[in-house]
Amino acid sequence: MKKNNAITVHIYYTGENGSAKAFVKEMLTSGLVDEIRKEKGNRRYEYFFSVEDEGTVLLVDSWDNQEAIDLHHSSNIMGQIMELRIKYHLHMKVERYFLDETGIPKEDQKFVQKKGLLRK
C-alpha cells in the first residue's frame, strides 16, 4: 500500500486597513487562484475570513506531497503571489499539517455531526 504524503498548509495573512482582504480579492480577480487550483498536485486552495480578527485571512492550501509544493514554489505564479504580498504589506504565520491516515478515532466519531443524522 502506497503511503499518502498529503500536506495541508495554513497561511494566516495579516495586514492593516483591510489589506489582507484586498490581497485575496486581487488573487481571485486576477485569476491566480484558478491557476493554482489547476496546478498538478493541488488538492485545495481556499480562503477564509476571521470572525474575531478582521485583519486576518486564512488560506487553506493542500498538496499531494512536498514535490508538488516545491513545483508550486518554483512557478511563475509564486513570483506573482510574492509581489502581491509585498504590495499589500502582509505578515504571515504558517502551519503545516500531514494527513492522518488512521482517520477519526471511533471514540471521537460520536462528536461529529453528520448531515441527516441530527440529534435532538
N, C-alpha and C. Protein backbone atom coordinates (compact mmCIF):
# COMPACT_ATOMS: atom_id res chain seq x y z
N MET A 1 0.84 -1.19 0.00
CA MET A 1 0.00 0.00 0.00
C MET A 1 0.89 1.25 0.00
N LYS A 2 0.61 2.16 -0.90
CA LYS A 2 1.39 3.39 -1.00
C LYS A 2 0.99 4.38 0.10
N LYS A 3 1.99 4.93 0.75
CA LYS A 3 1.73 5.91 1.81
C LYS A 3 1.29 7.24 1.20
N ASN A 4 0.30 7.86 1.81
CA ASN A 4 -0.19 9.16 1.36
C ASN A 4 0.61 10.24 2.07
N ASN A 5 1.29 11.07 1.30
CA ASN A 5 2.13 12.13 1.87
C ASN A 5 1.49 13.50 1.75
N ALA A 6 0.16 13.55 1.71
CA ALA A 6 -0.54 14.83 1.54
C ALA A 6 -0.18 15.81 2.65
N ILE A 7 -0.03 17.06 2.25
CA ILE A 7 0.34 18.13 3.18
C ILE A 7 -0.68 19.26 3.04
N THR A 8 -1.16 19.73 4.18
CA THR A 8 -2.03 20.91 4.20
C THR A 8 -1.27 22.03 4.90
N VAL A 9 -1.29 23.19 4.28
CA VAL A 9 -0.61 24.36 4.84
C VAL A 9 -1.66 25.40 5.17
N HIS A 10 -1.61 25.91 6.39
CA HIS A 10 -2.46 27.04 6.80
C HIS A 10 -1.57 28.27 6.80
N ILE A 11 -1.95 29.25 6.01
CA ILE A 11 -1.22 30.52 5.99
C ILE A 11 -2.17 31.61 6.49
N TYR A 12 -1.79 32.24 7.59
CA TYR A 12 -2.56 33.34 8.16
C TYR A 12 -1.94 34.64 7.65
N TYR A 13 -2.67 35.33 6.79
CA TYR A 13 -2.23 36.62 6.27
C TYR A 13 -2.81 37.72 7.15
N THR A 14 -1.96 38.61 7.63
CA THR A 14 -2.42 39.72 8.46
C THR A 14 -1.89 41.02 7.88
N GLY A 15 -2.79 42.01 7.82
CA GLY A 15 -2.42 43.33 7.33
C GLY A 15 -3.26 44.39 8.00
N GLU A 16 -3.02 45.62 7.62
CA GLU A 16 -3.76 46.74 8.21
C GLU A 16 -4.73 47.33 7.20
N ASN A 17 -5.78 47.94 7.73
CA ASN A 17 -6.76 48.68 6.92
C ASN A 17 -7.35 47.85 5.77
N GLY A 18 -7.64 46.59 6.06
CA GLY A 18 -8.29 45.74 5.05
C GLY A 18 -7.37 45.20 3.98
N SER A 19 -6.06 45.31 4.18
CA SER A 19 -5.14 44.90 3.12
C SER A 19 -5.15 43.39 2.87
N ALA A 20 -5.39 42.58 3.90
CA ALA A 20 -5.43 41.12 3.69
C ALA A 20 -6.62 40.75 2.81
N LYS A 21 -7.77 41.37 3.05
CA LYS A 21 -8.95 41.10 2.22
C LYS A 21 -8.75 41.62 0.80
N ALA A 22 -8.09 42.76 0.65
CA ALA A 22 -7.81 43.30 -0.68
C ALA A 22 -6.86 42.37 -1.44
N PHE A 23 -5.91 41.79 -0.74
CA PHE A 23 -5.00 40.81 -1.34
C PHE A 23 -5.78 39.62 -1.88
N VAL A 24 -6.68 39.08 -1.07
CA VAL A 24 -7.49 37.94 -1.50
C VAL A 24 -8.33 38.31 -2.72
N LYS A 25 -8.94 39.48 -2.69
CA LYS A 25 -9.76 39.91 -3.81
C LYS A 25 -8.92 39.96 -5.10
N GLU A 26 -7.71 40.50 -5.01
CA GLU A 26 -6.87 40.56 -6.20
C GLU A 26 -6.40 39.17 -6.63
N MET A 27 -6.13 38.30 -5.69
CA MET A 27 -5.77 36.91 -6.03
C MET A 27 -6.89 36.25 -6.83
N LEU A 28 -8.13 36.51 -6.41
CA LEU A 28 -9.28 35.91 -7.09
C LEU A 28 -9.55 36.56 -8.44
N THR A 29 -9.60 37.88 -8.48
CA THR A 29 -9.97 38.57 -9.72
C THR A 29 -8.88 38.49 -10.79
N SER A 30 -7.64 38.31 -10.37
CA SER A 30 -6.54 38.21 -11.34
C SER A 30 -6.47 36.84 -12.01
N GLY A 31 -7.19 35.87 -11.44
CA GLY A 31 -7.15 34.52 -11.98
C GLY A 31 -6.06 33.65 -11.38
N LEU A 32 -5.25 34.20 -10.47
CA LEU A 32 -4.17 33.42 -9.86
C LEU A 32 -4.70 32.22 -9.09
N VAL A 33 -5.79 32.40 -8.36
CA VAL A 33 -6.35 31.29 -7.58
C VAL A 33 -6.77 30.16 -8.51
N ASP A 34 -7.44 30.48 -9.61
CA ASP A 34 -7.84 29.44 -10.56
C ASP A 34 -6.63 28.71 -11.14
N GLU A 35 -5.57 29.45 -11.43
CA GLU A 35 -4.34 28.84 -11.96
C GLU A 35 -3.72 27.89 -10.94
N ILE A 36 -3.69 28.30 -9.68
CA ILE A 36 -3.11 27.46 -8.63
C ILE A 36 -3.93 26.19 -8.47
N ARG A 37 -5.24 26.30 -8.49
CA ARG A 37 -6.10 25.13 -8.34
C ARG A 37 -5.90 24.12 -9.48
N LYS A 38 -5.41 24.57 -10.62
CA LYS A 38 -5.16 23.69 -11.77
C LYS A 38 -3.77 23.07 -11.74
N GLU A 39 -2.90 23.54 -10.84
CA GLU A 39 -1.54 23.01 -10.78
C GLU A 39 -1.56 21.55 -10.36
N LYS A 40 -0.64 20.78 -10.95
CA LYS A 40 -0.53 19.37 -10.62
C LYS A 40 -0.24 19.21 -9.13
N GLY A 41 -1.02 18.38 -8.48
CA GLY A 41 -0.81 18.09 -7.07
C GLY A 41 -1.59 18.96 -6.11
N ASN A 42 -2.26 20.01 -6.62
CA ASN A 42 -3.05 20.86 -5.72
C ASN A 42 -4.38 20.18 -5.41
N ARG A 43 -4.70 20.08 -4.14
CA ARG A 43 -5.94 19.46 -3.68
C ARG A 43 -6.97 20.50 -3.25
N ARG A 44 -6.47 21.60 -2.72
CA ARG A 44 -7.38 22.63 -2.18
C ARG A 44 -6.63 23.94 -2.07
N TYR A 45 -7.32 25.01 -2.40
CA TYR A 45 -6.77 26.36 -2.25
C TYR A 45 -7.96 27.25 -1.96
N GLU A 46 -8.16 27.57 -0.68
CA GLU A 46 -9.39 28.26 -0.28
C GLU A 46 -9.10 29.24 0.86
N TYR A 47 -9.68 30.43 0.74
CA TYR A 47 -9.51 31.48 1.75
C TYR A 47 -10.70 31.52 2.71
N PHE A 48 -10.41 31.88 3.97
CA PHE A 48 -11.43 32.04 4.99
C PHE A 48 -11.16 33.34 5.75
N PHE A 49 -12.23 34.05 6.09
CA PHE A 49 -12.11 35.30 6.83
C PHE A 49 -12.38 35.06 8.31
N SER A 50 -11.57 35.64 9.17
CA SER A 50 -11.71 35.50 10.61
C SER A 50 -12.87 36.34 11.13
N VAL A 51 -13.68 35.74 11.97
CA VAL A 51 -14.78 36.45 12.62
C VAL A 51 -14.23 37.31 13.76
N GLU A 52 -13.18 36.85 14.40
CA GLU A 52 -12.63 37.53 15.57
C GLU A 52 -11.56 38.56 15.24
N ASP A 53 -10.91 38.42 14.10
CA ASP A 53 -9.82 39.34 13.73
C ASP A 53 -10.00 39.74 12.27
N GLU A 54 -10.63 40.88 12.03
CA GLU A 54 -10.95 41.32 10.67
C GLU A 54 -9.72 41.59 9.82
N GLY A 55 -8.56 41.72 10.44
CA GLY A 55 -7.34 41.98 9.70
C GLY A 55 -6.61 40.73 9.24
N THR A 56 -7.18 39.56 9.57
CA THR A 56 -6.53 38.29 9.23
C THR A 56 -7.38 37.45 8.30
N VAL A 57 -6.71 36.84 7.32
CA VAL A 57 -7.34 35.91 6.39
C VAL A 57 -6.56 34.60 6.46
N LEU A 58 -7.28 33.48 6.47
CA LEU A 58 -6.65 32.16 6.49
C LEU A 58 -6.72 31.54 5.10
N LEU A 59 -5.59 31.07 4.61
CA LEU A 59 -5.54 30.28 3.38
C LEU A 59 -5.33 28.83 3.77
N VAL A 60 -6.22 27.94 3.32
CA VAL A 60 -6.03 26.50 3.48
C VAL A 60 -5.57 25.99 2.12
N ASP A 61 -4.36 25.49 2.09
CA ASP A 61 -3.67 25.14 0.85
C ASP A 61 -3.19 23.69 0.99
N SER A 62 -3.75 22.76 0.20
CA SER A 62 -3.40 21.34 0.33
C SER A 62 -2.77 20.81 -0.96
N TRP A 63 -1.77 19.96 -0.77
CA TRP A 63 -1.00 19.41 -1.88
C TRP A 63 -0.80 17.91 -1.70
N ASP A 64 -0.59 17.19 -2.81
CA ASP A 64 -0.38 15.74 -2.76
C ASP A 64 0.87 15.36 -1.98
N ASN A 65 1.92 16.18 -2.09
CA ASN A 65 3.20 15.85 -1.45
C ASN A 65 4.12 17.07 -1.50
N GLN A 66 5.29 16.92 -0.91
CA GLN A 66 6.26 18.02 -0.87
C GLN A 66 6.74 18.39 -2.27
N GLU A 67 6.86 17.40 -3.15
CA GLU A 67 7.31 17.67 -4.51
C GLU A 67 6.34 18.63 -5.22
N ALA A 68 5.04 18.45 -5.01
CA ALA A 68 4.04 19.35 -5.62
C ALA A 68 4.19 20.76 -5.07
N ILE A 69 4.46 20.88 -3.77
CA ILE A 69 4.68 22.20 -3.17
C ILE A 69 5.94 22.84 -3.76
N ASP A 70 6.99 22.04 -3.90
CA ASP A 70 8.24 22.56 -4.46
C ASP A 70 8.04 23.08 -5.88
N LEU A 71 7.27 22.35 -6.70
CA LEU A 71 6.98 22.81 -8.06
C LEU A 71 6.20 24.12 -8.04
N HIS A 72 5.23 24.19 -7.13
CA HIS A 72 4.45 25.43 -6.99
C HIS A 72 5.36 26.59 -6.60
N HIS A 73 6.24 26.35 -5.64
CA HIS A 73 7.14 27.41 -5.17
C HIS A 73 8.11 27.88 -6.25
N SER A 74 8.41 27.03 -7.22
CA SER A 74 9.34 27.43 -8.28
C SER A 74 8.61 27.96 -9.53
N SER A 75 7.29 28.08 -9.45
CA SER A 75 6.50 28.52 -10.61
C SER A 75 6.46 30.05 -10.72
N ASN A 76 6.08 30.52 -11.91
CA ASN A 76 5.88 31.96 -12.13
C ASN A 76 4.74 32.49 -11.25
N ILE A 77 3.76 31.63 -10.99
CA ILE A 77 2.63 32.03 -10.15
C ILE A 77 3.13 32.47 -8.77
N MET A 78 4.09 31.73 -8.22
CA MET A 78 4.60 32.06 -6.89
C MET A 78 5.25 33.44 -6.89
N GLY A 79 5.94 33.78 -7.95
CA GLY A 79 6.53 35.12 -8.05
C GLY A 79 5.47 36.21 -8.01
N GLN A 80 4.35 35.96 -8.68
CA GLN A 80 3.25 36.93 -8.68
C GLN A 80 2.62 37.05 -7.29
N ILE A 81 2.50 35.92 -6.60
CA ILE A 81 1.97 35.94 -5.23
C ILE A 81 2.89 36.76 -4.32
N MET A 82 4.19 36.54 -4.45
CA MET A 82 5.16 37.28 -3.63
C MET A 82 5.04 38.78 -3.86
N GLU A 83 4.86 39.18 -5.11
CA GLU A 83 4.70 40.61 -5.42
C GLU A 83 3.45 41.18 -4.76
N LEU A 84 2.36 40.41 -4.77
CA LEU A 84 1.12 40.88 -4.13
C LEU A 84 1.27 40.95 -2.62
N ARG A 85 1.98 40.02 -2.02
CA ARG A 85 2.21 40.06 -0.57
C ARG A 85 2.94 41.35 -0.20
N ILE A 86 3.92 41.71 -1.01
CA ILE A 86 4.67 42.95 -0.76
C ILE A 86 3.77 44.17 -0.99
N LYS A 87 3.03 44.15 -2.08
CA LYS A 87 2.13 45.26 -2.41
C LYS A 87 1.17 45.57 -1.26
N TYR A 88 0.64 44.53 -0.61
CA TYR A 88 -0.35 44.72 0.45
C TYR A 88 0.27 44.71 1.85
N HIS A 89 1.59 44.68 1.95
CA HIS A 89 2.30 44.76 3.24
C HIS A 89 1.79 43.70 4.23
N LEU A 90 1.75 42.46 3.79
CA LEU A 90 1.21 41.39 4.62
C LEU A 90 2.28 40.71 5.46
N HIS A 91 1.87 40.29 6.65
CA HIS A 91 2.68 39.45 7.53
C HIS A 91 2.03 38.08 7.51
N MET A 92 2.84 37.04 7.70
CA MET A 92 2.32 35.69 7.60
C MET A 92 2.73 34.83 8.79
N LYS A 93 1.83 33.93 9.14
CA LYS A 93 2.14 32.84 10.07
C LYS A 93 1.78 31.57 9.32
N VAL A 94 2.67 30.58 9.31
CA VAL A 94 2.46 29.36 8.53
C VAL A 94 2.48 28.14 9.44
N GLU A 95 1.51 27.24 9.21
CA GLU A 95 1.43 25.96 9.91
C GLU A 95 1.31 24.86 8.85
N ARG A 96 2.00 23.75 9.07
CA ARG A 96 1.92 22.61 8.15
C ARG A 96 1.33 21.41 8.87
N TYR A 97 0.46 20.69 8.16
CA TYR A 97 -0.20 19.51 8.71
C TYR A 97 -0.07 18.35 7.73
N PHE A 98 0.08 17.14 8.26
CA PHE A 98 0.17 15.95 7.44
C PHE A 98 -1.07 15.09 7.65
N LEU A 99 -1.50 14.44 6.59
CA LEU A 99 -2.71 13.62 6.62
C LEU A 99 -2.56 12.49 7.63
N ASP A 100 -3.53 12.35 8.50
CA ASP A 100 -3.58 11.26 9.47
C ASP A 100 -4.35 10.12 8.81
N GLU A 101 -3.64 9.10 8.35
CA GLU A 101 -4.27 8.01 7.63
C GLU A 101 -5.11 7.10 8.53
N THR A 102 -4.99 7.27 9.83
CA THR A 102 -5.78 6.42 10.73
C THR A 102 -7.22 6.88 10.82
N GLY A 103 -7.51 8.10 10.40
CA GLY A 103 -8.88 8.61 10.43
C GLY A 103 -9.29 9.08 11.81
N ILE A 104 -10.57 9.34 11.95
CA ILE A 104 -11.10 9.82 13.23
C ILE A 104 -11.29 8.62 14.15
N PRO A 105 -10.70 8.65 15.35
CA PRO A 105 -10.86 7.53 16.28
C PRO A 105 -12.34 7.27 16.58
N LYS A 106 -12.67 6.01 16.76
CA LYS A 106 -14.06 5.60 17.00
C LYS A 106 -14.67 6.38 18.16
N GLU A 107 -13.91 6.56 19.24
CA GLU A 107 -14.45 7.26 20.42
C GLU A 107 -14.72 8.74 20.15
N ASP A 108 -14.09 9.31 19.12
CA ASP A 108 -14.32 10.71 18.76
C ASP A 108 -15.45 10.88 17.76
N GLN A 109 -15.81 9.83 17.04
CA GLN A 109 -16.81 9.93 15.99
C GLN A 109 -18.19 10.35 16.50
N LYS A 110 -18.49 10.05 17.77
CA LYS A 110 -19.80 10.42 18.32
C LYS A 110 -19.97 11.93 18.43
N PHE A 111 -18.87 12.68 18.34
CA PHE A 111 -18.94 14.14 18.43
C PHE A 111 -19.03 14.81 17.06
N VAL A 112 -19.02 14.02 16.00
CA VAL A 112 -19.05 14.54 14.63
C VAL A 112 -20.49 14.54 14.14
N GLN A 113 -21.02 15.73 13.90
CA GLN A 113 -22.39 15.89 13.40
C GLN A 113 -22.39 15.66 11.90
N LYS A 114 -23.18 14.70 11.44
CA LYS A 114 -23.25 14.40 10.01
C LYS A 114 -24.62 14.74 9.47
N LYS A 115 -24.63 15.14 8.22
CA LYS A 115 -25.87 15.51 7.54
C LYS A 115 -26.86 14.35 7.61
N GLY A 116 -28.09 14.66 7.97
CA GLY A 116 -29.14 13.64 8.03
C GLY A 116 -29.17 12.88 9.33
N LEU A 117 -28.20 13.12 10.21
CA LEU A 117 -28.14 12.41 11.48
C LEU A 117 -28.20 13.38 12.66
N LEU A 118 -29.03 14.40 12.54
CA LEU A 118 -29.12 15.40 13.59
C LEU A 118 -29.78 14.81 14.82
N ARG A 119 -29.16 15.06 15.96
CA ARG A 119 -29.69 14.56 17.23
C ARG A 119 -30.54 15.62 17.89
N LYS A 120 -31.57 15.17 18.59
CA LYS A 120 -32.44 16.11 19.31
C LYS A 120 -32.08 16.14 20.76
